[in-house]
Every structure is written in C-alpha cells, then in structure tokens.
Amino acid sequence: MIDDIKSIPVLPRLILQAATVGAIVYGAPAELRMVPDLTLSIERALQLIGGL
C-alpha cells in the first residue's frame, strides 16, 4: 500500500484507520448486533475501539 512506498507518521495513520473502521461500524445495519443486551451506541463504540 501507500505506507510501504512512503512511511506515514503514526497520528495520521491512526486517524485514517479510525475513520475507516468508523465508516464500516456505523454503516452496518442496526439489526446486525453482536451483543443485543447493550445499547446500540455503546456496542458500536466498543466495536470502534476494538477495530483500532
């Protein structure tokens, strides 16, 4: 990828990764749940953290 050709600093790489994971997690349908006992916002926040 681009990082293999030219090194990207840590902070921009983390921001890009968070944006990508966030788009996938928050773009998923509400019916797609891993832990139905949690509220959707808490579950999605934990998925975002786990994706980083």
C-alpha atoms as a PDB file:
ATOM      1  CA  MET A   1       0.000   0.000   0.000  1.00  0.00           C
ATOM      2  CA  ILE A   2       0.984   3.650   0.215  1.00  0.00           C
ATOM      3  CA  ASP A   3       2.624   3.132   3.609  1.00  0.00           C
ATOM      4  CA  ASP A   4       5.001   0.623   2.010  1.00  0.00           C
ATOM      5  CA  ILE A   5       6.218   3.180  -0.519  1.00  0.00           C
ATOM      6  CA  LYS A   6       6.451   6.182   1.797  1.00  0.00           C
ATOM      7  CA  SER A   7       6.182   5.982   5.574  1.00  0.00           C
ATOM      8  CA  ILE A   8       3.167   7.741   7.090  1.00  0.00           C
ATOM      9  CA  PRO A   9       3.502   9.228  10.601  1.00  0.00           C
ATOM     10  CA  VAL A  10       1.656   7.454  13.400  1.00  0.00           C
ATOM     11  CA  LEU A  11      -1.056  10.035  14.142  1.00  0.00           C
ATOM     12  CA  PRO A  12      -2.351  10.443  10.568  1.00  0.00           C
ATOM     13  CA  ARG A  13      -2.291   6.652  10.145  1.00  0.00           C
ATOM     14  CA  LEU A  14      -4.354   6.220  13.339  1.00  0.00           C
ATOM     15  CA  ILE A  15      -6.829   8.892  12.210  1.00  0.00           C
ATOM     16  CA  LEU A  16      -7.266   7.227   8.813  1.00  0.00           C
ATOM     17  CA  GLN A  17      -7.719   3.829  10.433  1.00  0.00           C
ATOM     18  CA  ALA A  18     -10.294   5.229  12.884  1.00  0.00           C
ATOM     19  CA  ALA A  19     -12.215   6.856  10.033  1.00  0.00           C
ATOM     20  CA  THR A  20     -12.220   3.625   8.041  1.00  0.00           C
ATOM     21  CA  VAL A  21     -13.305   1.452  10.957  1.00  0.00           C
ATOM     22  CA  GLY A  22     -15.915   4.044  11.945  1.00  0.00           C
ATOM     23  CA  ALA A  23     -17.392   4.072   8.461  1.00  0.00           C
ATOM     24  CA  ILE A  24     -17.712   0.299   8.489  1.00  0.00           C
ATOM     25  CA  VAL A  25     -19.088   0.049  12.042  1.00  0.00           C
ATOM     26  CA  TYR A  26     -21.575   2.904  11.792  1.00  0.00           C
ATOM     27  CA  GLY A  27     -22.580   1.959   8.262  1.00  0.00           C
ATOM     28  CA  ALA A  28     -23.646  -1.510   9.358  1.00  0.00           C
ATOM     29  CA  PRO A  29     -27.405  -2.088   9.725  1.00  0.00           C
ATOM     30  CA  ALA A  30     -28.867  -1.791  13.231  1.00  0.00           C
ATOM     31  CA  GLU A  31     -30.117  -5.372  13.014  1.00  0.00           C
ATOM     32  CA  LEU A  32     -26.523  -6.613  12.842  1.00  0.00           C
ATOM     33  CA  ARG A  33     -25.806  -6.870  16.569  1.00  0.00           C
ATOM     34  CA  MET A  34     -23.106  -8.772  18.453  1.00  0.00           C
ATOM     35  CA  VAL A  35     -24.381  -8.135  21.997  1.00  0.00           C
ATOM     36  CA  PRO A  36     -28.125  -7.380  21.876  1.00  0.00           C
ATOM     37  CA  ASP A  37     -28.218  -6.606  25.628  1.00  0.00           C
ATOM     38  CA  LEU A  38     -26.086  -3.456  25.161  1.00  0.00           C
ATOM     39  CA  THR A  39     -27.446  -0.255  23.714  1.00  0.00           C
ATOM     40  CA  LEU A  40     -26.541   0.241  20.073  1.00  0.00           C
ATOM     41  CA  SER A  41     -24.349   3.288  20.744  1.00  0.00           C
ATOM     42  CA  ILE A  42     -22.271   1.514  23.403  1.00  0.00           C
ATOM     43  CA  GLU A  43     -21.916  -1.577  21.231  1.00  0.00           C
ATOM     44  CA  ARG A  44     -20.786   0.479  18.243  1.00  0.00           C
ATOM     45  CA  ALA A  45     -18.319   2.465  20.374  1.00  0.00           C
ATOM     46  CA  LEU A  46     -16.780  -0.775  21.654  1.00  0.00           C
ATOM     47  CA  GLN A  47     -16.555  -2.116  18.111  1.00  0.00           C
ATOM     48  CA  LEU A  48     -14.786   1.073  17.031  1.00  0.00           C
ATOM     49  CA  ILE A  49     -12.272   0.769  19.855  1.00  0.00           C
ATOM     50  CA  GLY A  50     -11.769  -2.911  19.075  1.00  0.00           C
ATOM     51  CA  GLY A  51     -11.108  -2.098  15.448  1.00  0.00           C
ATOM     52  CA  LEU A  52      -8.244   0.180  16.317  1.00  0.00           C
END
